[in-house]
Amino acid sequence: MERAGEFTIRHARWSHEADAIRSVRQRVFIDEQGVLPDEEWDDLDPSCHHLLAVDERGEAVGCTR
């Protein structure tokens, strides 16, 4: 079994990190769980509080909204 690496959770601003947040949500909710894109993407993201989990290389590995 592969051991999970270290990661950091930090506040993220949609205006600066939308691409990283969208990438995680695309993979998890749309690609893996089959959520329709129209249900996942709305106009609320710019005003929501986001957290972003990044691995040791700075790659986005998780997020919350």
PDB file of N, CA and C in Angstrom:
ATOM      1  N   MET A   1       0.850  -1.176   0.000  1.00  0.00           N
ATOM      2  CA  MET A   1       0.000   0.000   0.000  1.00  0.00           C
ATOM      3  C   MET A   1       0.894   1.237   0.000  1.00  0.00           C
ATOM      4  N   GLU A   2       0.533   2.213  -0.823  1.00  0.00           N
ATOM      5  CA  GLU A   2       1.289   3.454  -0.900  1.00  0.00           C
ATOM      6  C   GLU A   2       0.943   4.347   0.278  1.00  0.00           C
ATOM      7  N   ARG A   3       1.948   4.923   0.894  1.00  0.00           N
ATOM      8  CA  ARG A   3       1.745   5.812   2.033  1.00  0.00           C
ATOM      9  C   ARG A   3       1.405   7.209   1.530  1.00  0.00           C
ATOM     10  N   ALA A   4       0.383   7.804   2.114  1.00  0.00           N
ATOM     11  CA  ALA A   4       0.013   9.169   1.743  1.00  0.00           C
ATOM     12  C   ALA A   4       1.090  10.131   2.214  1.00  0.00           C
ATOM     13  N   GLY A   5       1.407  11.101   1.395  1.00  0.00           N
ATOM     14  CA  GLY A   5       2.402  12.096   1.750  1.00  0.00           C
ATOM     15  C   GLY A   5       1.836  13.159   2.668  1.00  0.00           C
ATOM     16  N   GLU A   6       2.701  14.048   3.077  1.00  0.00           N
ATOM     17  CA  GLU A   6       2.292  15.165   3.916  1.00  0.00           C
ATOM     18  C   GLU A   6       1.519  16.174   3.080  1.00  0.00           C
ATOM     19  N   PHE A   7       0.602  16.867   3.723  1.00  0.00           N
ATOM     20  CA  PHE A   7      -0.111  17.928   3.034  1.00  0.00           C
ATOM     21  C   PHE A   7      -0.424  19.042   4.023  1.00  0.00           C
ATOM     22  N   THR A   8      -0.735  20.198   3.476  1.00  0.00           N
ATOM     23  CA  THR A   8      -1.061  21.383   4.255  1.00  0.00           C
ATOM     24  C   THR A   8      -2.422  21.894   3.808  1.00  0.00           C
ATOM     25  N   ILE A   9      -3.220  22.320   4.769  1.00  0.00           N
ATOM     26  CA  ILE A   9      -4.514  22.922   4.456  1.00  0.00           C
ATOM     27  C   ILE A   9      -4.405  24.401   4.758  1.00  0.00           C
ATOM     28  N   ARG A  10      -4.838  25.207   3.785  1.00  0.00           N
ATOM     29  CA  ARG A  10      -4.746  26.656   3.964  1.00  0.00           C
ATOM     30  C   ARG A  10      -5.949  27.345   3.334  1.00  0.00           C
ATOM     31  N   HIS A  11      -6.172  28.576   3.742  1.00  0.00           N
ATOM     32  CA  HIS A  11      -7.219  29.400   3.129  1.00  0.00           C
ATOM     33  C   HIS A  11      -6.820  29.681   1.688  1.00  0.00           C
ATOM     34  N   ALA A  12      -7.819  29.714   0.815  1.00  0.00           N
ATOM     35  CA  ALA A  12      -7.564  29.996  -0.596  1.00  0.00           C
ATOM     36  C   ALA A  12      -8.563  31.035  -1.084  1.00  0.00           C
ATOM     37  N   ARG A  13      -8.093  31.956  -1.872  1.00  0.00           N
ATOM     38  CA  ARG A  13      -8.983  32.970  -2.457  1.00  0.00           C
ATOM     39  C   ARG A  13      -9.339  32.543  -3.873  1.00  0.00           C
ATOM     40  N   TRP A  14     -10.616  32.481  -4.146  1.00  0.00           N
ATOM     41  CA  TRP A  14     -11.105  32.088  -5.470  1.00  0.00           C
ATOM     42  C   TRP A  14     -10.461  32.940  -6.561  1.00  0.00           C
ATOM     43  N   SER A  15     -10.317  34.216  -6.294  1.00  0.00           N
ATOM     44  CA  SER A  15      -9.773  35.120  -7.307  1.00  0.00           C
ATOM     45  C   SER A  15      -8.338  34.781  -7.693  1.00  0.00           C
ATOM     46  N   HIS A  16      -7.611  34.104  -6.817  1.00  0.00           N
ATOM     47  CA  HIS A  16      -6.209  33.763  -7.092  1.00  0.00           C
ATOM     48  C   HIS A  16      -5.983  32.277  -7.367  1.00  0.00           C
ATOM     49  N   GLU A  17      -6.867  31.421  -6.859  1.00  0.00           N
ATOM     50  CA  GLU A  17      -6.608  29.976  -6.957  1.00  0.00           C
ATOM     51  C   GLU A  17      -7.782  29.182  -7.514  1.00  0.00           C
ATOM     52  N   ALA A  18      -8.605  29.834  -8.314  1.00  0.00           N
ATOM     53  CA  ALA A  18      -9.768  29.158  -8.890  1.00  0.00           C
ATOM     54  C   ALA A  18      -9.358  27.934  -9.712  1.00  0.00           C
ATOM     55  N   ASP A  19      -8.271  28.023 -10.457  1.00  0.00           N
ATOM     56  CA  ASP A  19      -7.864  26.890 -11.294  1.00  0.00           C
ATOM     57  C   ASP A  19      -7.555  25.652 -10.457  1.00  0.00           C
ATOM     58  N   ALA A  20      -6.843  25.821  -9.352  1.00  0.00           N
ATOM     59  CA  ALA A  20      -6.504  24.685  -8.488  1.00  0.00           C
ATOM     60  C   ALA A  20      -7.761  24.104  -7.843  1.00  0.00           C
ATOM     61  N   ILE A  21      -8.633  24.965  -7.362  1.00  0.00           N
ATOM     62  CA  ILE A  21      -9.865  24.509  -6.722  1.00  0.00           C
ATOM     63  C   ILE A  21     -10.758  23.799  -7.736  1.00  0.00           C
ATOM     64  N   ARG A  22     -10.907  24.395  -8.909  1.00  0.00           N
ATOM     65  CA  ARG A  22     -11.739  23.786  -9.954  1.00  0.00           C
ATOM     66  C   ARG A  22     -11.183  22.425 -10.371  1.00  0.00           C
ATOM     67  N   SER A  23      -9.873  22.302 -10.430  1.00  0.00           N
ATOM     68  CA  SER A  23      -9.252  21.042 -10.826  1.00  0.00           C
ATOM     69  C   SER A  23      -9.629  19.907  -9.869  1.00  0.00           C
ATOM     70  N   VAL A  24      -9.541  20.177  -8.589  1.00  0.00           N
ATOM     71  CA  VAL A  24      -9.894  19.160  -7.585  1.00  0.00           C
ATOM     72  C   VAL A  24     -11.378  18.823  -7.677  1.00  0.00           C
ATOM     73  N   ARG A  25     -12.226  19.832  -7.733  1.00  0.00           N
ATOM     74  CA  ARG A  25     -13.675  19.586  -7.787  1.00  0.00           C
ATOM     75  C   ARG A  25     -14.080  18.868  -9.066  1.00  0.00           C
ATOM     76  N   GLN A  26     -13.431  19.183 -10.171  1.00  0.00           N
ATOM     77  CA  GLN A  26     -13.701  18.488 -11.431  1.00  0.00           C
ATOM     78  C   GLN A  26     -13.403  16.995 -11.288  1.00  0.00           C
ATOM     79  N   ARG A  27     -12.219  16.680 -10.765  1.00  0.00           N
ATOM     80  CA  ARG A  27     -11.817  15.267 -10.614  1.00  0.00           C
ATOM     81  C   ARG A  27     -12.734  14.513  -9.666  1.00  0.00           C
ATOM     82  N   VAL A  28     -12.992  15.112  -8.505  1.00  0.00           N
ATOM     83  CA  VAL A  28     -13.735  14.397  -7.459  1.00  0.00           C
ATOM     84  C   VAL A  28     -15.234  14.340  -7.743  1.00  0.00           C
ATOM     85  N   PHE A  29     -15.836  15.476  -7.958  1.00  0.00           N
ATOM     86  CA  PHE A  29     -17.290  15.500  -8.048  1.00  0.00           C
ATOM     87  C   PHE A  29     -17.829  15.159  -9.433  1.00  0.00           C
ATOM     88  N   ILE A  30     -17.238  15.719 -10.467  1.00  0.00           N
ATOM     89  CA  ILE A  30     -17.775  15.499 -11.811  1.00  0.00           C
ATOM     90  C   ILE A  30     -17.257  14.191 -12.400  1.00  0.00           C
ATOM     91  N   ASP A  31     -15.935  14.011 -12.430  1.00  0.00           N
ATOM     92  CA  ASP A  31     -15.358  12.810 -13.052  1.00  0.00           C
ATOM     93  C   ASP A  31     -15.613  11.543 -12.240  1.00  0.00           C
ATOM     94  N   GLU A  32     -15.352  11.581 -10.922  1.00  0.00           N
ATOM     95  CA  GLU A  32     -15.461  10.369 -10.102  1.00  0.00           C
ATOM     96  C   GLU A  32     -16.875  10.093  -9.604  1.00  0.00           C
ATOM     97  N   GLN A  33     -17.600  11.132  -9.194  1.00  0.00           N
ATOM     98  CA  GLN A  33     -18.917  10.922  -8.587  1.00  0.00           C
ATOM     99  C   GLN A  33     -20.074  11.159  -9.545  1.00  0.00           C
ATOM    100  N   GLY A  34     -19.798  11.665 -10.740  1.00  0.00           N
ATOM    101  CA  GLY A  34     -20.846  11.828 -11.734  1.00  0.00           C
ATOM    102  C   GLY A  34     -21.795  12.998 -11.517  1.00  0.00           C
ATOM    103  N   VAL A  35     -21.373  13.988 -10.714  1.00  0.00           N
ATOM    104  CA  VAL A  35     -22.200  15.180 -10.531  1.00  0.00           C
ATOM    105  C   VAL A  35     -22.220  15.941 -11.856  1.00  0.00           C
ATOM    106  N   LEU A  36     -23.377  16.417 -12.248  1.00  0.00           N
ATOM    107  CA  LEU A  36     -23.489  17.183 -13.479  1.00  0.00           C
ATOM    108  C   LEU A  36     -22.780  18.527 -13.328  1.00  0.00           C
ATOM    109  N   PRO A  37     -22.055  18.962 -14.344  1.00  0.00           N
ATOM    110  CA  PRO A  37     -21.352  20.246 -14.256  1.00  0.00           C
ATOM    111  C   PRO A  37     -22.267  21.411 -13.890  1.00  0.00           C
ATOM    112  N   ASP A  38     -23.484  21.421 -14.395  1.00  0.00           N
ATOM    113  CA  ASP A  38     -24.423  22.497 -14.060  1.00  0.00           C
ATOM    114  C   ASP A  38     -24.766  22.537 -12.577  1.00  0.00           C
ATOM    115  N   GLU A  39     -24.661  21.391 -11.907  1.00  0.00           N
ATOM    116  CA  GLU A  39     -24.934  21.336 -10.474  1.00  0.00           C
ATOM    117  C   GLU A  39     -23.699  21.721  -9.657  1.00  0.00           C
ATOM    118  N   GLU A  40     -22.526  21.459 -10.187  1.00  0.00           N
ATOM    119  CA  GLU A  40     -21.286  21.753  -9.448  1.00  0.00           C
ATOM    120  C   GLU A  40     -20.882  23.214  -9.542  1.00  0.00           C
ATOM    121  N   TRP A  41     -21.020  23.799 -10.711  1.00  0.00           N
ATOM    122  CA  TRP A  41     -20.536  25.171 -10.915  1.00  0.00           C
ATOM    123  C   TRP A  41     -21.695  26.159 -10.807  1.00  0.00           C
ATOM    124  N   ASP A  42     -21.523  27.142  -9.953  1.00  0.00           N
ATOM    125  CA  ASP A  42     -22.526  28.186  -9.786  1.00  0.00           C
ATOM    126  C   ASP A  42     -21.824  29.531  -9.625  1.00  0.00           C
ATOM    127  N   ASP A  43     -22.580  30.550  -9.373  1.00  0.00           N
ATOM    128  CA  ASP A  43     -22.013  31.892  -9.246  1.00  0.00           C
ATOM    129  C   ASP A  43     -21.612  32.240  -7.816  1.00  0.00           C
ATOM    130  N   LEU A  44     -21.654  31.267  -6.902  1.00  0.00           N
ATOM    131  CA  LEU A  44     -21.369  31.550  -5.497  1.00  0.00           C
ATOM    132  C   LEU A  44     -19.884  31.476  -5.136  1.00  0.00           C
ATOM    133  N   ASP A  45     -19.085  30.795  -5.948  1.00  0.00           N
ATOM    134  CA  ASP A  45     -17.681  30.586  -5.587  1.00  0.00           C
ATOM    135  C   ASP A  45     -16.919  31.861  -5.227  1.00  0.00           C
ATOM    136  N   PRO A  46     -17.065  32.954  -5.975  1.00  0.00           N
ATOM    137  CA  PRO A  46     -16.305  34.153  -5.621  1.00  0.00           C
ATOM    138  C   PRO A  46     -16.603  34.694  -4.222  1.00  0.00           C
ATOM    139  N   SER A  47     -17.772  34.423  -3.694  1.00  0.00           N
ATOM    140  CA  SER A  47     -18.125  34.950  -2.375  1.00  0.00           C
ATOM    141  C   SER A  47     -18.036  33.897  -1.268  1.00  0.00           C
ATOM    142  N   CYS A  48     -17.646  32.681  -1.596  1.00  0.00           N
ATOM    143  CA  CYS A  48     -17.554  31.608  -0.600  1.00  0.00           C
ATOM    144  C   CYS A  48     -16.171  31.545   0.033  1.00  0.00           C
ATOM    145  N   HIS A  49     -16.110  30.922   1.189  1.00  0.00           N
ATOM    146  CA  HIS A  49     -14.856  30.655   1.892  1.00  0.00           C
ATOM    147  C   HIS A  49     -14.319  29.322   1.391  1.00  0.00           C
ATOM    148  N   HIS A  50     -13.079  29.297   0.952  1.00  0.00           N
ATOM    149  CA  HIS A  50     -12.467  28.074   0.421  1.00  0.00           C
ATOM    150  C   HIS A  50     -11.236  27.704   1.236  1.00  0.00           C
ATOM    151  N   LEU A  51     -11.035  26.395   1.399  1.00  0.00           N
ATOM    152  CA  LEU A  51      -9.793  25.855   1.936  1.00  0.00           C
ATOM    153  C   LEU A  51      -9.202  24.972   0.856  1.00  0.00           C
ATOM    154  N   LEU A  52      -7.880  24.960   0.766  1.00  0.00           N
ATOM    155  CA  LEU A  52      -7.190  24.169  -0.241  1.00  0.00           C
ATOM    156  C   LEU A  52      -6.128  23.327   0.443  1.00  0.00           C
ATOM    157  N   ALA A  53      -6.122  22.033   0.143  1.00  0.00           N
ATOM    158  CA  ALA A  53      -5.082  21.130   0.639  1.00  0.00           C
ATOM    159  C   ALA A  53      -4.051  20.965  -0.468  1.00  0.00           C
ATOM    160  N   VAL A  54      -2.785  21.199  -0.130  1.00  0.00           N
ATOM    161  CA  VAL A  54      -1.704  21.057  -1.105  1.00  0.00           C
ATOM    162  C   VAL A  54      -0.667  20.085  -0.563  1.00  0.00           C
ATOM    163  N   ASP A  55      -0.090  19.300  -1.477  1.00  0.00           N
ATOM    164  CA  ASP A  55       0.923  18.335  -1.061  1.00  0.00           C
ATOM    165  C   ASP A  55       2.288  19.010  -0.936  1.00  0.00           C
ATOM    166  N   GLU A  56       3.304  18.202  -0.713  1.00  0.00           N
ATOM    167  CA  GLU A  56       4.657  18.704  -0.488  1.00  0.00           C
ATOM    168  C   GLU A  56       5.208  19.473  -1.689  1.00  0.00           C
ATOM    169  N   ARG A  57       4.669  19.196  -2.868  1.00  0.00           N
ATOM    170  CA  ARG A  57       5.131  19.871  -4.094  1.00  0.00           C
ATOM    171  C   ARG A  57       4.292  21.104  -4.419  1.00  0.00           C
ATOM    172  N   GLY A  58       3.261  21.366  -3.599  1.00  0.00           N
ATOM    173  CA  GLY A  58       2.371  22.491  -3.863  1.00  0.00           C
ATOM    174  C   GLY A  58       1.212  22.157  -4.765  1.00  0.00           C
ATOM    175  N   GLU A  59       1.033  20.868  -5.084  1.00  0.00           N
ATOM    176  CA  GLU A  59      -0.071  20.418  -5.934  1.00  0.00           C
ATOM    177  C   GLU A  59      -1.359  20.326  -5.123  1.00  0.00           C
ATOM    178  N   ALA A  60      -2.456  20.811  -5.682  1.00  0.00           N
ATOM    179  CA  ALA A  60      -3.756  20.734  -5.020  1.00  0.00           C
ATOM    180  C   ALA A  60      -4.214  19.279  -4.928  1.00  0.00           C
ATOM    181  N   VAL A  61      -4.559  18.839  -3.714  1.00  0.00           N
ATOM    182  CA  VAL A  61      -5.015  17.458  -3.500  1.00  0.00           C
ATOM    183  C   VAL A  61      -6.384  17.383  -2.837  1.00  0.00           C
ATOM    184  N   GLY A  62      -6.945  18.513  -2.443  1.00  0.00           N
ATOM    185  CA  GLY A  62      -8.255  18.530  -1.818  1.00  0.00           C
ATOM    186  C   GLY A  62      -8.716  19.955  -1.620  1.00  0.00           C
ATOM    187  N   CYS A  63     -10.024  20.134  -1.409  1.00  0.00           N
ATOM    188  CA  CYS A  63     -10.550  21.474  -1.160  1.00  0.00           C
ATOM    189  C   CYS A  63     -11.907  21.381  -0.480  1.00  0.00           C
ATOM    190  N   THR A  64     -12.307  22.496   0.099  1.00  0.00           N
ATOM    191  CA  THR A  64     -13.646  22.637   0.673  1.00  0.00           C
ATOM    192  C   THR A  64     -14.203  23.980   0.253  1.00  0.00           C
ATOM    193  N   ARG A  65     -15.507  24.068   0.312  1.00  0.00           N
ATOM    194  CA  ARG A  65     -16.178  25.338   0.041  1.00  0.00           C
ATOM    195  C   ARG A  65     -17.245  25.512   1.090  1.00  0.00           C
TER     196      ARG A  65
END
